[in-house]
Amino acid sequence: MFNWLSLITGLFYIVLGIVVIVYKFFIIILEPNVAYPLGGLLIAYGVFRIVRAIISLKNNN
C-alpha cells in the first residue's frame, strides 16, 4: 500500500513543480530566479519517489 501511495505522491510533486514553474506561485508569489529552481527540485523529488516506489514494487513481487 505504501508503494502505491508513494507513486501518487510522486505524481503530485511533479504536478506541483510544474505549477510552480508556470505560475511562479507557491504560498506566495515567487520571483523567476526562485520559482525555477524550486519547481525543478519538486519535479526531481517526485521522480525520485516514483523510481523508488517502482523498484520497491518490483522487489516485493
N, C-alpha and C. Protein backbone atom coordinates (compact mmCIF):
# COMPACT_ATOMS: atom_id res chain seq x y z
N MET A 1 0.82 -1.19 0.00
CA MET A 1 0.00 0.00 0.00
C MET A 1 0.87 1.26 0.00
N PHE A 2 1.96 1.23 0.78
CA PHE A 2 2.84 2.39 0.86
C PHE A 2 3.45 2.71 -0.50
N ASN A 3 3.77 1.69 -1.27
CA ASN A 3 4.38 1.93 -2.59
C ASN A 3 3.42 2.62 -3.54
N TRP A 4 2.15 2.24 -3.50
CA TRP A 4 1.17 2.89 -4.36
C TRP A 4 0.95 4.33 -3.92
N LEU A 5 0.92 4.55 -2.62
CA LEU A 5 0.79 5.91 -2.11
C LEU A 5 2.00 6.75 -2.49
N SER A 6 3.17 6.15 -2.50
CA SER A 6 4.38 6.85 -2.89
C SER A 6 4.33 7.22 -4.38
N LEU A 7 3.77 6.37 -5.21
CA LEU A 7 3.60 6.69 -6.63
C LEU A 7 2.69 7.91 -6.81
N ILE A 8 1.58 7.92 -6.10
CA ILE A 8 0.63 9.04 -6.19
C ILE A 8 1.27 10.32 -5.68
N THR A 9 2.00 10.22 -4.59
CA THR A 9 2.67 11.38 -4.03
C THR A 9 3.73 11.91 -5.00
N GLY A 10 4.45 11.02 -5.65
CA GLY A 10 5.43 11.44 -6.64
C GLY A 10 4.80 12.20 -7.79
N LEU A 11 3.66 11.72 -8.26
CA LEU A 11 2.95 12.43 -9.32
C LEU A 11 2.49 13.81 -8.83
N PHE A 12 2.04 13.87 -7.59
CA PHE A 12 1.62 15.15 -7.02
C PHE A 12 2.78 16.13 -6.97
N TYR A 13 3.96 15.68 -6.58
CA TYR A 13 5.13 16.55 -6.53
C TYR A 13 5.52 17.05 -7.93
N ILE A 14 5.42 16.18 -8.92
CA ILE A 14 5.74 16.60 -10.29
C ILE A 14 4.76 17.67 -10.77
N VAL A 15 3.48 17.45 -10.53
CA VAL A 15 2.47 18.44 -10.92
C VAL A 15 2.69 19.76 -10.17
N LEU A 16 2.99 19.66 -8.89
CA LEU A 16 3.23 20.87 -8.10
C LEU A 16 4.46 21.62 -8.62
N GLY A 17 5.49 20.91 -9.00
CA GLY A 17 6.68 21.55 -9.57
C GLY A 17 6.37 22.26 -10.87
N ILE A 18 5.56 21.65 -11.71
CA ILE A 18 5.17 22.29 -12.97
C ILE A 18 4.34 23.54 -12.70
N VAL A 19 3.43 23.46 -11.73
CA VAL A 19 2.60 24.62 -11.38
C VAL A 19 3.47 25.76 -10.86
N VAL A 20 4.46 25.44 -10.03
CA VAL A 20 5.35 26.48 -9.50
C VAL A 20 6.13 27.14 -10.63
N ILE A 21 6.60 26.36 -11.59
CA ILE A 21 7.36 26.93 -12.71
C ILE A 21 6.47 27.79 -13.60
N VAL A 22 5.28 27.32 -13.90
CA VAL A 22 4.41 28.04 -14.83
C VAL A 22 3.81 29.29 -14.20
N TYR A 23 3.26 29.16 -12.98
CA TYR A 23 2.54 30.28 -12.35
C TYR A 23 3.41 31.09 -11.40
N LYS A 24 4.62 30.60 -11.10
CA LYS A 24 5.54 31.28 -10.19
C LYS A 24 4.85 31.62 -8.87
N PHE A 25 4.12 30.63 -8.33
CA PHE A 25 3.38 30.82 -7.09
C PHE A 25 3.51 29.57 -6.25
N PHE A 26 3.92 29.75 -5.00
CA PHE A 26 3.97 28.67 -4.02
C PHE A 26 3.77 29.31 -2.65
N ILE A 27 2.55 29.38 -2.21
CA ILE A 27 2.10 30.06 -1.00
C ILE A 27 2.22 31.59 -1.17
N ILE A 28 3.33 32.07 -1.71
CA ILE A 28 3.49 33.48 -2.03
C ILE A 28 3.93 33.58 -3.49
N ILE A 29 3.85 34.76 -4.04
CA ILE A 29 4.32 34.97 -5.42
C ILE A 29 5.85 34.94 -5.41
N LEU A 30 6.42 34.16 -6.33
CA LEU A 30 7.86 33.96 -6.37
C LEU A 30 8.49 34.69 -7.54
N GLU A 31 9.71 35.09 -7.37
CA GLU A 31 10.50 35.64 -8.47
C GLU A 31 10.93 34.47 -9.36
N PRO A 32 11.16 34.72 -10.64
CA PRO A 32 11.57 33.62 -11.53
C PRO A 32 12.86 32.93 -11.09
N ASN A 33 13.81 33.68 -10.50
CA ASN A 33 15.06 33.05 -10.09
C ASN A 33 14.88 32.14 -8.87
N VAL A 34 13.73 32.19 -8.24
CA VAL A 34 13.41 31.27 -7.14
C VAL A 34 12.45 30.19 -7.61
N ALA A 35 11.52 30.57 -8.48
CA ALA A 35 10.48 29.63 -8.93
C ALA A 35 11.06 28.48 -9.74
N TYR A 36 12.01 28.77 -10.62
CA TYR A 36 12.57 27.72 -11.47
C TYR A 36 13.34 26.67 -10.68
N PRO A 37 14.25 27.07 -9.78
CA PRO A 37 14.94 26.02 -9.00
C PRO A 37 14.00 25.26 -8.07
N LEU A 38 13.04 25.95 -7.46
CA LEU A 38 12.10 25.27 -6.57
C LEU A 38 11.24 24.29 -7.36
N GLY A 39 10.75 24.69 -8.52
CA GLY A 39 9.97 23.79 -9.37
C GLY A 39 10.79 22.60 -9.83
N GLY A 40 12.04 22.85 -10.21
CA GLY A 40 12.92 21.76 -10.62
C GLY A 40 13.19 20.79 -9.48
N LEU A 41 13.37 21.33 -8.29
CA LEU A 41 13.60 20.48 -7.12
C LEU A 41 12.38 19.63 -6.80
N LEU A 42 11.20 20.21 -6.90
CA LEU A 42 9.97 19.44 -6.66
C LEU A 42 9.79 18.34 -7.70
N ILE A 43 10.07 18.64 -8.96
CA ILE A 43 9.96 17.64 -10.02
C ILE A 43 10.98 16.52 -9.80
N ALA A 44 12.20 16.89 -9.44
CA ALA A 44 13.24 15.88 -9.21
C ALA A 44 12.86 14.97 -8.03
N TYR A 45 12.31 15.55 -6.97
CA TYR A 45 11.90 14.75 -5.83
C TYR A 45 10.73 13.83 -6.20
N GLY A 46 9.82 14.32 -7.03
CA GLY A 46 8.72 13.47 -7.48
C GLY A 46 9.21 12.29 -8.30
N VAL A 47 10.16 12.53 -9.18
CA VAL A 47 10.74 11.44 -9.98
C VAL A 47 11.46 10.45 -9.07
N PHE A 48 12.19 10.96 -8.08
CA PHE A 48 12.88 10.10 -7.12
C PHE A 48 11.90 9.20 -6.38
N ARG A 49 10.78 9.76 -5.92
CA ARG A 49 9.79 8.95 -5.20
C ARG A 49 9.17 7.89 -6.09
N ILE A 50 8.89 8.25 -7.35
CA ILE A 50 8.29 7.28 -8.27
C ILE A 50 9.27 6.16 -8.57
N VAL A 51 10.53 6.49 -8.84
CA VAL A 51 11.54 5.46 -9.14
C VAL A 51 11.72 4.55 -7.93
N ARG A 52 11.79 5.13 -6.73
CA ARG A 52 11.96 4.33 -5.52
C ARG A 52 10.77 3.40 -5.30
N ALA A 53 9.55 3.88 -5.58
CA ALA A 53 8.38 3.04 -5.42
C ALA A 53 8.36 1.92 -6.45
N ILE A 54 8.74 2.20 -7.68
CA ILE A 54 8.76 1.16 -8.71
C ILE A 54 9.77 0.08 -8.37
N ILE A 55 10.95 0.48 -7.91
CA ILE A 55 11.97 -0.50 -7.53
C ILE A 55 11.47 -1.35 -6.37
N SER A 56 10.81 -0.72 -5.41
CA SER A 56 10.27 -1.45 -4.26
C SER A 56 9.15 -2.41 -4.68
N LEU A 57 8.32 -1.98 -5.61
CA LEU A 57 7.23 -2.86 -6.10
C LEU A 57 7.82 -4.07 -6.83
N LYS A 58 8.87 -3.86 -7.62
CA LYS A 58 9.48 -4.98 -8.34
C LYS A 58 10.14 -5.96 -7.38
N ASN A 59 10.75 -5.44 -6.32
CA ASN A 59 11.41 -6.33 -5.35
C ASN A 59 10.41 -7.12 -4.52
N ASN A 60 9.22 -6.55 -4.27
CA ASN A 60 8.22 -7.26 -3.49
C ASN A 60 7.54 -8.38 -4.27
N ASN A 61 7.48 -8.24 -5.59
CA ASN A 61 6.82 -9.26 -6.43
C ASN A 61 7.84 -10.24 -6.84
